[in-house]
Amino acid sequence: MKIEIYETKEETAEAAARKASEVLNAVVKQNGRTNFIAATGASQFDFLEALTSDKSIDWGKTTIFHLDEYVGISEQHPASFRRYLKERLIDKVHPENVYLIEGNAKDP
């Protein structure tokens, strides 16, 4: 395992975004498209900002999924992870496909 240590959370996020960009670009080059699973939470703010600023990624060849959602809340709720991802990722990069968990659906 390679361990990298950075002075700030911003530097850590930028390094993680560079690595994610390398992986996404390599998979698109090899397969013509890629899938991306997005995590949420305050720990991802700087990472998503750095990642969405990277113009080398062909987001039009990506499909995005996410990991979790609160049951029983709408996408407009301030705690909604769907809202979070739309504001911090999806609306910025416009991926080809997006599959989000609908927490307020009858059967999420």
PDB file of N, CA and C in Angstrom:
ATOM      1  N   MET A   1       0.839  -1.159   0.000  1.00  0.00           N
ATOM      2  CA  MET A   1       0.000   0.000   0.000  1.00  0.00           C
ATOM      3  C   MET A   1       0.894   1.236   0.000  1.00  0.00           C
ATOM      4  N   LYS A   2       0.541   2.190  -0.816  1.00  0.00           N
ATOM      5  CA  LYS A   2       1.270   3.445  -0.865  1.00  0.00           C
ATOM      6  C   LYS A   2       0.503   4.463  -0.023  1.00  0.00           C
ATOM      7  N   ILE A   3       1.180   5.055   0.934  1.00  0.00           N
ATOM      8  CA  ILE A   3       0.566   6.054   1.805  1.00  0.00           C
ATOM      9  C   ILE A   3       1.135   7.416   1.442  1.00  0.00           C
ATOM     10  N   GLU A   4       0.248   8.373   1.201  1.00  0.00           N
ATOM     11  CA  GLU A   4       0.656   9.740   0.905  1.00  0.00           C
ATOM     12  C   GLU A   4       0.078  10.648   1.973  1.00  0.00           C
ATOM     13  N   ILE A   5       0.896  11.567   2.452  1.00  0.00           N
ATOM     14  CA  ILE A   5       0.467  12.489   3.500  1.00  0.00           C
ATOM     15  C   ILE A   5       0.590  13.912   2.963  1.00  0.00           C
ATOM     16  N   TYR A   6      -0.455  14.696   3.181  1.00  0.00           N
ATOM     17  CA  TYR A   6      -0.483  16.074   2.711  1.00  0.00           C
ATOM     18  C   TYR A   6      -0.680  17.010   3.886  1.00  0.00           C
ATOM     19  N   GLU A   7      -0.253  18.238   3.726  1.00  0.00           N
ATOM     20  CA  GLU A   7      -0.318  19.226   4.800  1.00  0.00           C
ATOM     21  C   GLU A   7      -1.744  19.687   5.101  1.00  0.00           C
ATOM     22  N   THR A   8      -2.577  19.782   4.070  1.00  0.00           N
ATOM     23  CA  THR A   8      -3.931  20.319   4.266  1.00  0.00           C
ATOM     24  C   THR A   8      -4.963  19.393   3.642  1.00  0.00           C
ATOM     25  N   LYS A   9      -6.212  19.576   4.051  1.00  0.00           N
ATOM     26  CA  LYS A   9      -7.292  18.786   3.461  1.00  0.00           C
ATOM     27  C   LYS A   9      -7.503  19.163   1.992  1.00  0.00           C
ATOM     28  N   GLU A  10      -7.208  20.420   1.639  1.00  0.00           N
ATOM     29  CA  GLU A  10      -7.328  20.844   0.245  1.00  0.00           C
ATOM     30  C   GLU A  10      -6.300  20.133  -0.637  1.00  0.00           C
ATOM     31  N   GLU A  11      -5.065  20.032  -0.145  1.00  0.00           N
ATOM     32  CA  GLU A  11      -4.029  19.314  -0.894  1.00  0.00           C
ATOM     33  C   GLU A  11      -4.396  17.838  -1.030  1.00  0.00           C
ATOM     34  N   THR A  12      -4.948  17.270   0.010  1.00  0.00           N
ATOM     35  CA  THR A  12      -5.387  15.871  -0.027  1.00  0.00           C
ATOM     36  C   THR A  12      -6.480  15.690  -1.065  1.00  0.00           C
ATOM     37  N   ALA A  13      -7.450  16.589  -1.057  1.00  0.00           N
ATOM     38  CA  ALA A  13      -8.556  16.514  -2.012  1.00  0.00           C
ATOM     39  C   ALA A  13      -8.062  16.658  -3.445  1.00  0.00           C
ATOM     40  N   GLU A  14      -7.140  17.573  -3.667  1.00  0.00           N
ATOM     41  CA  GLU A  14      -6.602  17.777  -5.014  1.00  0.00           C
ATOM     42  C   GLU A  14      -5.844  16.543  -5.498  1.00  0.00           C
ATOM     43  N   ALA A  15      -5.081  15.922  -4.624  1.00  0.00           N
ATOM     44  CA  ALA A  15      -4.358  14.706  -4.998  1.00  0.00           C
ATOM     45  C   ALA A  15      -5.332  13.573  -5.306  1.00  0.00           C
ATOM     46  N   ALA A  16      -6.365  13.441  -4.495  1.00  0.00           N
ATOM     47  CA  ALA A  16      -7.368  12.401  -4.737  1.00  0.00           C
ATOM     48  C   ALA A  16      -8.106  12.661  -6.047  1.00  0.00           C
ATOM     49  N   ALA A  17      -8.400  13.913  -6.341  1.00  0.00           N
ATOM     50  CA  ALA A  17      -9.076  14.253  -7.590  1.00  0.00           C
ATOM     51  C   ALA A  17      -8.187  13.966  -8.795  1.00  0.00           C
ATOM     52  N   ARG A  18      -6.896  14.245  -8.677  1.00  0.00           N
ATOM     53  CA  ARG A  18      -5.967  13.919  -9.774  1.00  0.00           C
ATOM     54  C   ARG A  18      -5.953  12.419 -10.045  1.00  0.00           C
ATOM     55  N   LYS A  19      -5.913  11.632  -8.984  1.00  0.00           N
ATOM     56  CA  LYS A  19      -5.904  10.172  -9.137  1.00  0.00           C
ATOM     57  C   LYS A  19      -7.222   9.702  -9.752  1.00  0.00           C
ATOM     58  N   ALA A  20      -8.329  10.222  -9.276  1.00  0.00           N
ATOM     59  CA  ALA A  20      -9.632   9.851  -9.834  1.00  0.00           C
ATOM     60  C   ALA A  20      -9.705  10.215 -11.311  1.00  0.00           C
ATOM     61  N   SER A  21      -9.203  11.381 -11.658  1.00  0.00           N
ATOM     62  CA  SER A  21      -9.182  11.815 -13.058  1.00  0.00           C
ATOM     63  C   SER A  21      -8.352  10.856 -13.909  1.00  0.00           C
ATOM     64  N   GLU A  22      -7.178  10.466 -13.408  1.00  0.00           N
ATOM     65  CA  GLU A  22      -6.330   9.510 -14.139  1.00  0.00           C
ATOM     66  C   GLU A  22      -7.074   8.208 -14.395  1.00  0.00           C
ATOM     67  N   VAL A  23      -7.744   7.706 -13.377  1.00  0.00           N
ATOM     68  CA  VAL A  23      -8.466   6.432 -13.507  1.00  0.00           C
ATOM     69  C   VAL A  23      -9.640   6.581 -14.477  1.00  0.00           C
ATOM     70  N   LEU A  24     -10.442   7.627 -14.301  1.00  0.00           N
ATOM     71  CA  LEU A  24     -11.590   7.834 -15.195  1.00  0.00           C
ATOM     72  C   LEU A  24     -11.136   7.966 -16.646  1.00  0.00           C
ATOM     73  N   ASN A  25     -10.109   8.769 -16.881  1.00  0.00           N
ATOM     74  CA  ASN A  25      -9.612   8.960 -18.250  1.00  0.00           C
ATOM     75  C   ASN A  25      -9.046   7.672 -18.833  1.00  0.00           C
ATOM     76  N   ALA A  26      -8.347   6.884 -18.034  1.00  0.00           N
ATOM     77  CA  ALA A  26      -7.786   5.622 -18.528  1.00  0.00           C
ATOM     78  C   ALA A  26      -8.890   4.639 -18.905  1.00  0.00           C
ATOM     79  N   VAL A  27      -9.930   4.570 -18.102  1.00  0.00           N
ATOM     80  CA  VAL A  27     -11.022   3.637 -18.404  1.00  0.00           C
ATOM     81  C   VAL A  27     -11.791   4.098 -19.643  1.00  0.00           C
ATOM     82  N   VAL A  28     -12.029   5.395 -19.776  1.00  0.00           N
ATOM     83  CA  VAL A  28     -12.695   5.901 -20.986  1.00  0.00           C
ATOM     84  C   VAL A  28     -11.843   5.598 -22.215  1.00  0.00           C
ATOM     85  N   LYS A  29     -10.546   5.792 -22.104  1.00  0.00           N
ATOM     86  CA  LYS A  29      -9.654   5.505 -23.237  1.00  0.00           C
ATOM     87  C   LYS A  29      -9.702   4.027 -23.614  1.00  0.00           C
ATOM     88  N   GLN A  30      -9.736   3.158 -22.613  1.00  0.00           N
ATOM     89  CA  GLN A  30      -9.735   1.717 -22.865  1.00  0.00           C
ATOM     90  C   GLN A  30     -11.103   1.198 -23.308  1.00  0.00           C
ATOM     91  N   ASN A  31     -12.181   1.669 -22.663  1.00  0.00           N
ATOM     92  CA  ASN A  31     -13.511   1.091 -22.891  1.00  0.00           C
ATOM     93  C   ASN A  31     -14.505   2.010 -23.608  1.00  0.00           C
ATOM     94  N   GLY A  32     -14.131   3.257 -23.779  1.00  0.00           N
ATOM     95  CA  GLY A  32     -15.034   4.196 -24.435  1.00  0.00           C
ATOM     96  C   GLY A  32     -16.037   4.847 -23.488  1.00  0.00           C
ATOM     97  N   ARG A  33     -16.065   4.389 -22.252  1.00  0.00           N
ATOM     98  CA  ARG A  33     -16.967   4.955 -21.243  1.00  0.00           C
ATOM     99  C   ARG A  33     -16.583   4.426 -19.882  1.00  0.00           C
ATOM    100  N   THR A  34     -17.146   5.012 -18.828  1.00  0.00           N
ATOM    101  CA  THR A  34     -16.824   4.570 -17.475  1.00  0.00           C
ATOM    102  C   THR A  34     -17.989   4.817 -16.524  1.00  0.00           C
ATOM    103  N   ASN A  35     -17.966   4.119 -15.411  1.00  0.00           N
ATOM    104  CA  ASN A  35     -18.920   4.327 -14.330  1.00  0.00           C
ATOM    105  C   ASN A  35     -18.194   4.992 -13.170  1.00  0.00           C
ATOM    106  N   PHE A  36     -18.945   5.739 -12.393  1.00  0.00           N
ATOM    107  CA  PHE A  36     -18.375   6.494 -11.282  1.00  0.00           C
ATOM    108  C   PHE A  36     -19.365   6.444 -10.134  1.00  0.00           C
ATOM    109  N   ILE A  37     -18.926   5.983  -8.981  1.00  0.00           N
ATOM    110  CA  ILE A  37     -19.775   5.957  -7.793  1.00  0.00           C
ATOM    111  C   ILE A  37     -19.341   7.103  -6.898  1.00  0.00           C
ATOM    112  N   ALA A  38     -20.271   8.007  -6.607  1.00  0.00           N
ATOM    113  CA  ALA A  38     -19.950   9.200  -5.835  1.00  0.00           C
ATOM    114  C   ALA A  38     -20.351   9.035  -4.376  1.00  0.00           C
ATOM    115  N   ALA A  39     -19.427   9.381  -3.505  1.00  0.00           N
ATOM    116  CA  ALA A  39     -19.716   9.415  -2.074  1.00  0.00           C
ATOM    117  C   ALA A  39     -20.187  10.816  -1.705  1.00  0.00           C
ATOM    118  N   THR A  40     -20.844  10.920  -0.567  1.00  0.00           N
ATOM    119  CA  THR A  40     -21.356  12.211  -0.116  1.00  0.00           C
ATOM    120  C   THR A  40     -20.848  12.496   1.298  1.00  0.00           C
ATOM    121  N   GLY A  41     -21.159  13.668   1.772  1.00  0.00           N
ATOM    122  CA  GLY A  41     -20.756  14.077   3.104  1.00  0.00           C
ATOM    123  C   GLY A  41     -19.789  15.244   3.029  1.00  0.00           C
ATOM    124  N   ALA A  42     -19.613  15.901   4.140  1.00  0.00           N
ATOM    125  CA  ALA A  42     -18.731  17.074   4.195  1.00  0.00           C
ATOM    126  C   ALA A  42     -17.295  16.722   3.802  1.00  0.00           C
ATOM    127  N   SER A  43     -16.902  15.490   4.043  1.00  0.00           N
ATOM    128  CA  SER A  43     -15.537  15.080   3.700  1.00  0.00           C
ATOM    129  C   SER A  43     -15.272  15.115   2.200  1.00  0.00           C
ATOM    130  N   GLN A  44     -16.316  15.168   1.398  1.00  0.00           N
ATOM    131  CA  GLN A  44     -16.159  15.144  -0.059  1.00  0.00           C
ATOM    132  C   GLN A  44     -16.205  16.523  -0.709  1.00  0.00           C
ATOM    133  N   PHE A  45     -16.503  17.573   0.044  1.00  0.00           N
ATOM    134  CA  PHE A  45     -16.655  18.915  -0.533  1.00  0.00           C
ATOM    135  C   PHE A  45     -15.449  19.317  -1.381  1.00  0.00           C
ATOM    136  N   ASP A  46     -14.266  19.286  -0.787  1.00  0.00           N
ATOM    137  CA  ASP A  46     -13.063  19.736  -1.498  1.00  0.00           C
ATOM    138  C   ASP A  46     -12.701  18.805  -2.649  1.00  0.00           C
ATOM    139  N   PHE A  47     -12.897  17.503  -2.444  1.00  0.00           N
ATOM    140  CA  PHE A  47     -12.615  16.537  -3.509  1.00  0.00           C
ATOM    141  C   PHE A  47     -13.508  16.795  -4.717  1.00  0.00           C
ATOM    142  N   LEU A  48     -14.806  16.953  -4.507  1.00  0.00           N
ATOM    143  CA  LEU A  48     -15.715  17.174  -5.633  1.00  0.00           C
ATOM    144  C   LEU A  48     -15.444  18.507  -6.314  1.00  0.00           C
ATOM    145  N   GLU A  49     -15.056  19.513  -5.550  1.00  0.00           N
ATOM    146  CA  GLU A  49     -14.709  20.806  -6.148  1.00  0.00           C
ATOM    147  C   GLU A  49     -13.486  20.652  -7.054  1.00  0.00           C
ATOM    148  N   ALA A  50     -12.479  19.952  -6.574  1.00  0.00           N
ATOM    149  CA  ALA A  50     -11.274  19.736  -7.383  1.00  0.00           C
ATOM    150  C   ALA A  50     -11.574  18.867  -8.604  1.00  0.00           C
ATOM    151  N   LEU A  51     -12.373  17.833  -8.416  1.00  0.00           N
ATOM    152  CA  LEU A  51     -12.683  16.929  -9.525  1.00  0.00           C
ATOM    153  C   LEU A  51     -13.488  17.627 -10.612  1.00  0.00           C
ATOM    154  N   THR A  52     -14.475  18.410 -10.231  1.00  0.00           N
ATOM    155  CA  THR A  52     -15.310  19.086 -11.231  1.00  0.00           C
ATOM    156  C   THR A  52     -14.563  20.217 -11.928  1.00  0.00           C
ATOM    157  N   SER A  53     -13.454  20.651 -11.349  1.00  0.00           N
ATOM    158  CA  SER A  53     -12.628  21.681 -11.990  1.00  0.00           C
ATOM    159  C   SER A  53     -11.688  21.101 -13.042  1.00  0.00           C
ATOM    160  N   ASP A  54     -11.531  19.787 -13.050  1.00  0.00           N
ATOM    161  CA  ASP A  54     -10.638  19.113 -13.993  1.00  0.00           C
ATOM    162  C   ASP A  54     -11.348  18.991 -15.349  1.00  0.00           C
ATOM    163  N   LYS A  55     -10.850  19.734 -16.310  1.00  0.00           N
ATOM    164  CA  LYS A  55     -11.490  19.770 -17.639  1.00  0.00           C
ATOM    165  C   LYS A  55     -11.050  18.628 -18.556  1.00  0.00           C
ATOM    166  N   SER A  56     -10.158  17.765 -18.089  1.00  0.00           N
ATOM    167  CA  SER A  56      -9.677  16.669 -18.934  1.00  0.00           C
ATOM    168  C   SER A  56     -10.643  15.484 -18.973  1.00  0.00           C
ATOM    169  N   ILE A  57     -11.586  15.438 -18.062  1.00  0.00           N
ATOM    170  CA  ILE A  57     -12.505  14.296 -17.981  1.00  0.00           C
ATOM    171  C   ILE A  57     -13.656  14.491 -18.962  1.00  0.00           C
ATOM    172  N   ASP A  58     -13.920  13.476 -19.771  1.00  0.00           N
ATOM    173  CA  ASP A  58     -15.064  13.508 -20.692  1.00  0.00           C
ATOM    174  C   ASP A  58     -16.280  12.968 -19.951  1.00  0.00           C
ATOM    175  N   TRP A  59     -16.939  13.835 -19.210  1.00  0.00           N
ATOM    176  CA  TRP A  59     -18.076  13.428 -18.387  1.00  0.00           C
ATOM    177  C   TRP A  59     -19.233  12.911 -19.236  1.00  0.00           C
ATOM    178  N   GLY A  60     -19.273  13.273 -20.509  1.00  0.00           N
ATOM    179  CA  GLY A  60     -20.305  12.772 -21.405  1.00  0.00           C
ATOM    180  C   GLY A  60     -20.197  11.284 -21.667  1.00  0.00           C
ATOM    181  N   LYS A  61     -19.113  10.683 -21.194  1.00  0.00           N
ATOM    182  CA  LYS A  61     -18.914   9.241 -21.344  1.00  0.00           C
ATOM    183  C   LYS A  61     -18.955   8.538 -19.995  1.00  0.00           C
ATOM    184  N   THR A  62     -19.593   9.190 -19.021  1.00  0.00           N
ATOM    185  CA  THR A  62     -19.660   8.607 -17.690  1.00  0.00           C
ATOM    186  C   THR A  62     -21.100   8.337 -17.259  1.00  0.00           C
ATOM    187  N   THR A  63     -21.233   7.337 -16.423  1.00  0.00           N
ATOM    188  CA  THR A  63     -22.488   7.047 -15.724  1.00  0.00           C
ATOM    189  C   THR A  63     -22.187   7.168 -14.242  1.00  0.00           C
ATOM    190  N   ILE A  64     -23.002   7.957 -13.542  1.00  0.00           N
ATOM    191  CA  ILE A  64     -22.781   8.197 -12.121  1.00  0.00           C
ATOM    192  C   ILE A  64     -23.860   7.501 -11.293  1.00  0.00           C
ATOM    193  N   PHE A  65     -23.410   6.853 -10.241  1.00  0.00           N
ATOM    194  CA  PHE A  65     -24.274   6.243  -9.231  1.00  0.00           C
ATOM    195  C   PHE A  65     -23.912   6.879  -7.892  1.00  0.00           C
ATOM    196  N   HIS A  66     -24.787   6.721  -6.899  1.00  0.00           N
ATOM    197  CA  HIS A  66     -24.382   7.131  -5.559  1.00  0.00           C
ATOM    198  C   HIS A  66     -24.738   6.052  -4.553  1.00  0.00           C
ATOM    199  N   LEU A  67     -24.209   6.186  -3.354  1.00  0.00           N
ATOM    200  CA  LEU A  67     -24.225   5.093  -2.387  1.00  0.00           C
ATOM    201  C   LEU A  67     -25.440   5.057  -1.468  1.00  0.00           C
ATOM    202  N   ASP A  68     -25.971   6.200  -1.106  1.00  0.00           N
ATOM    203  CA  ASP A  68     -27.019   6.179  -0.093  1.00  0.00           C
ATOM    204  C   ASP A  68     -27.920   7.407  -0.187  1.00  0.00           C
ATOM    205  N   GLU A  69     -29.044   7.300   0.497  1.00  0.00           N
ATOM    206  CA  GLU A  69     -29.999   8.401   0.570  1.00  0.00           C
ATOM    207  C   GLU A  69     -30.845   8.193   1.805  1.00  0.00           C
ATOM    208  N   TYR A  70     -31.302   9.271   2.370  1.00  0.00           N
ATOM    209  CA  TYR A  70     -32.230   9.169   3.495  1.00  0.00           C
ATOM    210  C   TYR A  70     -33.588   8.733   2.972  1.00  0.00           C
ATOM    211  N   VAL A  71     -34.235   7.825   3.681  1.00  0.00           N
ATOM    212  CA  VAL A  71     -35.557   7.349   3.287  1.00  0.00           C
ATOM    213  C   VAL A  71     -36.596   8.360   3.752  1.00  0.00           C
ATOM    214  N   GLY A  72     -37.514   8.693   2.841  1.00  0.00           N
ATOM    215  CA  GLY A  72     -38.644   9.540   3.186  1.00  0.00           C
ATOM    216  C   GLY A  72     -38.451  11.020   2.952  1.00  0.00           C
ATOM    217  N   ILE A  73     -37.311  11.445   2.383  1.00  0.00           N
ATOM    218  CA  ILE A  73     -37.158  12.877   2.110  1.00  0.00           C
ATOM    219  C   ILE A  73     -37.085  13.116   0.607  1.00  0.00           C
ATOM    220  N   SER A  74     -37.568  14.285   0.224  1.00  0.00           N
ATOM    221  CA  SER A  74     -37.569  14.638  -1.190  1.00  0.00           C
ATOM    222  C   SER A  74     -36.191  15.147  -1.605  1.00  0.00           C
ATOM    223  N   GLU A  75     -36.022  15.268  -2.890  1.00  0.00           N
ATOM    224  CA  GLU A  75     -34.777  15.792  -3.452  1.00  0.00           C
ATOM    225  C   GLU A  75     -34.559  17.256  -3.067  1.00  0.00           C
ATOM    226  N   GLN A  76     -35.618  17.959  -2.731  1.00  0.00           N
ATOM    227  CA  GLN A  76     -35.505  19.365  -2.351  1.00  0.00           C
ATOM    228  C   GLN A  76     -35.086  19.556  -0.889  1.00  0.00           C
ATOM    229  N   HIS A  77     -35.144  18.516  -0.091  1.00  0.00           N
ATOM    230  CA  HIS A  77     -34.789  18.608   1.317  1.00  0.00           C
ATOM    231  C   HIS A  77     -33.300  18.968   1.443  1.00  0.00           C
ATOM    232  N   PRO A  78     -32.944  19.871   2.357  1.00  0.00           N
ATOM    233  CA  PRO A  78     -31.536  20.273   2.501  1.00  0.00           C
ATOM    234  C   PRO A  78     -30.573  19.124   2.817  1.00  0.00           C
ATOM    235  N   ALA A  79     -31.057  18.043   3.408  1.00  0.00           N
ATOM    236  CA  ALA A  79     -30.192  16.905   3.742  1.00  0.00           C
ATOM    237  C   ALA A  79     -30.125  15.845   2.647  1.00  0.00           C
ATOM    238  N   SER A  80     -30.848  16.039   1.559  1.00  0.00           N
ATOM    239  CA  SER A  80     -30.899  15.043   0.488  1.00  0.00           C
ATOM    240  C   SER A  80     -29.544  14.886  -0.191  1.00  0.00           C
ATOM    241  N   PHE A  81     -29.101  13.642  -0.304  1.00  0.00           N
ATOM    242  CA  PHE A  81     -27.857  13.379  -1.021  1.00  0.00           C
ATOM    243  C   PHE A  81     -28.039  13.569  -2.522  1.00  0.00           C
ATOM    244  N   ARG A  82     -29.246  13.362  -3.026  1.00  0.00           N
ATOM    245  CA  ARG A  82     -29.498  13.653  -4.447  1.00  0.00           C
ATOM    246  C   ARG A  82     -29.268  15.131  -4.711  1.00  0.00           C
ATOM    247  N   ARG A  83     -29.812  15.963  -3.860  1.00  0.00           N
ATOM    248  CA  ARG A  83     -29.625  17.412  -3.997  1.00  0.00           C
ATOM    249  C   ARG A  83     -28.140  17.759  -3.920  1.00  0.00           C
ATOM    250  N   TYR A  84     -27.468  17.227  -2.923  1.00  0.00           N
ATOM    251  CA  TYR A  84     -26.035  17.438  -2.722  1.00  0.00           C
ATOM    252  C   TYR A  84     -25.269  17.110  -4.007  1.00  0.00           C
ATOM    253  N   LEU A  85     -25.525  15.928  -4.578  1.00  0.00           N
ATOM    254  CA  LEU A  85     -24.783  15.509  -5.768  1.00  0.00           C
ATOM    255  C   LEU A  85     -25.135  16.340  -6.988  1.00  0.00           C
ATOM    256  N   LYS A  86     -26.384  16.731  -7.117  1.00  0.00           N
ATOM    257  CA  LYS A  86     -26.753  17.585  -8.250  1.00  0.00           C
ATOM    258  C   LYS A  86     -26.045  18.927  -8.163  1.00  0.00           C
ATOM    259  N   GLU A  87     -26.023  19.502  -6.967  1.00  0.00           N
ATOM    260  CA  GLU A  87     -25.408  20.820  -6.800  1.00  0.00           C
ATOM    261  C   GLU A  87     -23.882  20.770  -6.908  1.00  0.00           C
ATOM    262  N   ARG A  88     -23.257  19.746  -6.380  1.00  0.00           N
ATOM    263  CA  ARG A  88     -21.793  19.711  -6.280  1.00  0.00           C
ATOM    264  C   ARG A  88     -21.104  18.933  -7.395  1.00  0.00           C
ATOM    265  N   LEU A  89     -21.881  18.124  -8.152  1.00  0.00           N
ATOM    266  CA  LEU A  89     -21.259  17.279  -9.178  1.00  0.00           C
ATOM    267  C   LEU A  89     -22.060  17.275 -10.481  1.00  0.00           C
ATOM    268  N   ILE A  90     -23.242  16.740 -10.450  1.00  0.00           N
ATOM    269  CA  ILE A  90     -24.004  16.460 -11.673  1.00  0.00           C
ATOM    270  C   ILE A  90     -24.277  17.700 -12.510  1.00  0.00           C
ATOM    271  N   ASP A  91     -24.776  18.764 -11.884  1.00  0.00           N
ATOM    272  CA  ASP A  91     -25.097  19.981 -12.637  1.00  0.00           C
ATOM    273  C   ASP A  91     -23.849  20.711 -13.133  1.00  0.00           C
ATOM    274  N   LYS A  92     -22.698  20.361 -12.584  1.00  0.00           N
ATOM    275  CA  LYS A  92     -21.445  20.982 -13.026  1.00  0.00           C
ATOM    276  C   LYS A  92     -20.808  20.244 -14.196  1.00  0.00           C
ATOM    277  N   VAL A  93     -20.946  18.906 -14.232  1.00  0.00           N
ATOM    278  CA  VAL A  93     -20.210  18.133 -15.239  1.00  0.00           C
ATOM    279  C   VAL A  93     -21.094  17.481 -16.299  1.00  0.00           C
ATOM    280  N   HIS A  94     -22.379  17.361 -16.059  1.00  0.00           N
ATOM    281  CA  HIS A  94     -23.337  16.824 -17.028  1.00  0.00           C
ATOM    282  C   HIS A  94     -22.948  15.447 -17.579  1.00  0.00           C
ATOM    283  N   PRO A  95     -22.937  14.443 -16.701  1.00  0.00           N
ATOM    284  CA  PRO A  95     -22.617  13.083 -17.161  1.00  0.00           C
ATOM    285  C   PRO A  95     -23.680  12.555 -18.116  1.00  0.00           C
ATOM    286  N   GLU A  96     -23.318  11.515 -18.854  1.00  0.00           N
ATOM    287  CA  GLU A  96     -24.264  10.920 -19.802  1.00  0.00           C
ATOM    288  C   GLU A  96     -25.471  10.317 -19.082  1.00  0.00           C
ATOM    289  N   ASN A  97     -25.213   9.556 -18.036  1.00  0.00           N
ATOM    290  CA  ASN A  97     -26.279   8.904 -17.280  1.00  0.00           C
ATOM    291  C   ASN A  97     -26.063   9.117 -15.792  1.00  0.00           C
ATOM    292  N   VAL A  98     -27.177   9.212 -15.064  1.00  0.00           N
ATOM    293  CA  VAL A  98     -27.128   9.356 -13.611  1.00  0.00           C
ATOM    294  C   VAL A  98     -28.208   8.467 -13.021  1.00  0.00           C
ATOM    295  N   TYR A  99     -27.840   7.675 -12.028  1.00  0.00           N
ATOM    296  CA  TYR A  99     -28.793   6.821 -11.327  1.00  0.00           C
ATOM    297  C   TYR A  99     -28.722   7.145  -9.845  1.00  0.00           C
ATOM    298  N   LEU A 100     -29.766   7.789  -9.350  1.00  0.00           N
ATOM    299  CA  LEU A 100     -29.823   8.202  -7.959  1.00  0.00           C
ATOM    300  C   LEU A 100     -30.895   7.423  -7.216  1.00  0.00           C
ATOM    301  N   ILE A 101     -30.651   7.189  -5.948  1.00  0.00           N
ATOM    302  CA  ILE A 101     -31.631   6.491  -5.100  1.00  0.00           C
ATOM    303  C   ILE A 101     -32.720   7.489  -4.714  1.00  0.00           C
ATOM    304  N   GLU A 102     -33.934   7.154  -5.031  1.00  0.00           N
ATOM    305  CA  GLU A 102     -35.058   8.027  -4.703  1.00  0.00           C
ATOM    306  C   GLU A 102     -35.576   7.686  -3.321  1.00  0.00           C
ATOM    307  N   GLY A 103     -35.094   8.392  -2.331  1.00  0.00           N
ATOM    308  CA  GLY A 103     -35.422   8.123  -0.946  1.00  0.00           C
ATOM    309  C   GLY A 103     -36.885   8.268  -0.597  1.00  0.00           C
ATOM    310  N   ASN A 104     -37.604   9.066  -1.360  1.00  0.00           N
ATOM    311  CA  ASN A 104     -39.027   9.247  -1.075  1.00  0.00           C
ATOM    312  C   ASN A 104     -39.918   8.394  -1.984  1.00  0.00           C
ATOM    313  N   ALA A 105     -39.341   7.489  -2.732  1.00  0.00           N
ATOM    314  CA  ALA A 105     -40.135   6.559  -3.563  1.00  0.00           C
ATOM    315  C   ALA A 105     -40.800   5.523  -2.674  1.00  0.00           C
ATOM    316  N   LYS A 106     -41.826   4.892  -3.184  1.00  0.00           N
ATOM    317  CA  LYS A 106     -42.532   3.867  -2.422  1.00  0.00           C
ATOM    318  C   LYS A 106     -41.564   2.765  -1.988  1.00  0.00           C
ATOM    319  N   ASP A 107     -40.665   2.374  -2.888  1.00  0.00           N
ATOM    320  CA  ASP A 107     -39.673   1.350  -2.591  1.00  0.00           C
ATOM    321  C   ASP A 107     -38.300   1.861  -3.057  1.00  0.00           C
ATOM    322  N   PRO A 108     -37.611   2.648  -2.197  1.00  0.00           N
ATOM    323  CA  PRO A 108     -36.334   3.252  -2.621  1.00  0.00           C
ATOM    324  C   PRO A 108     -35.338   2.207  -3.078  1.00  0.00           C
TER     325      PRO A 108
END
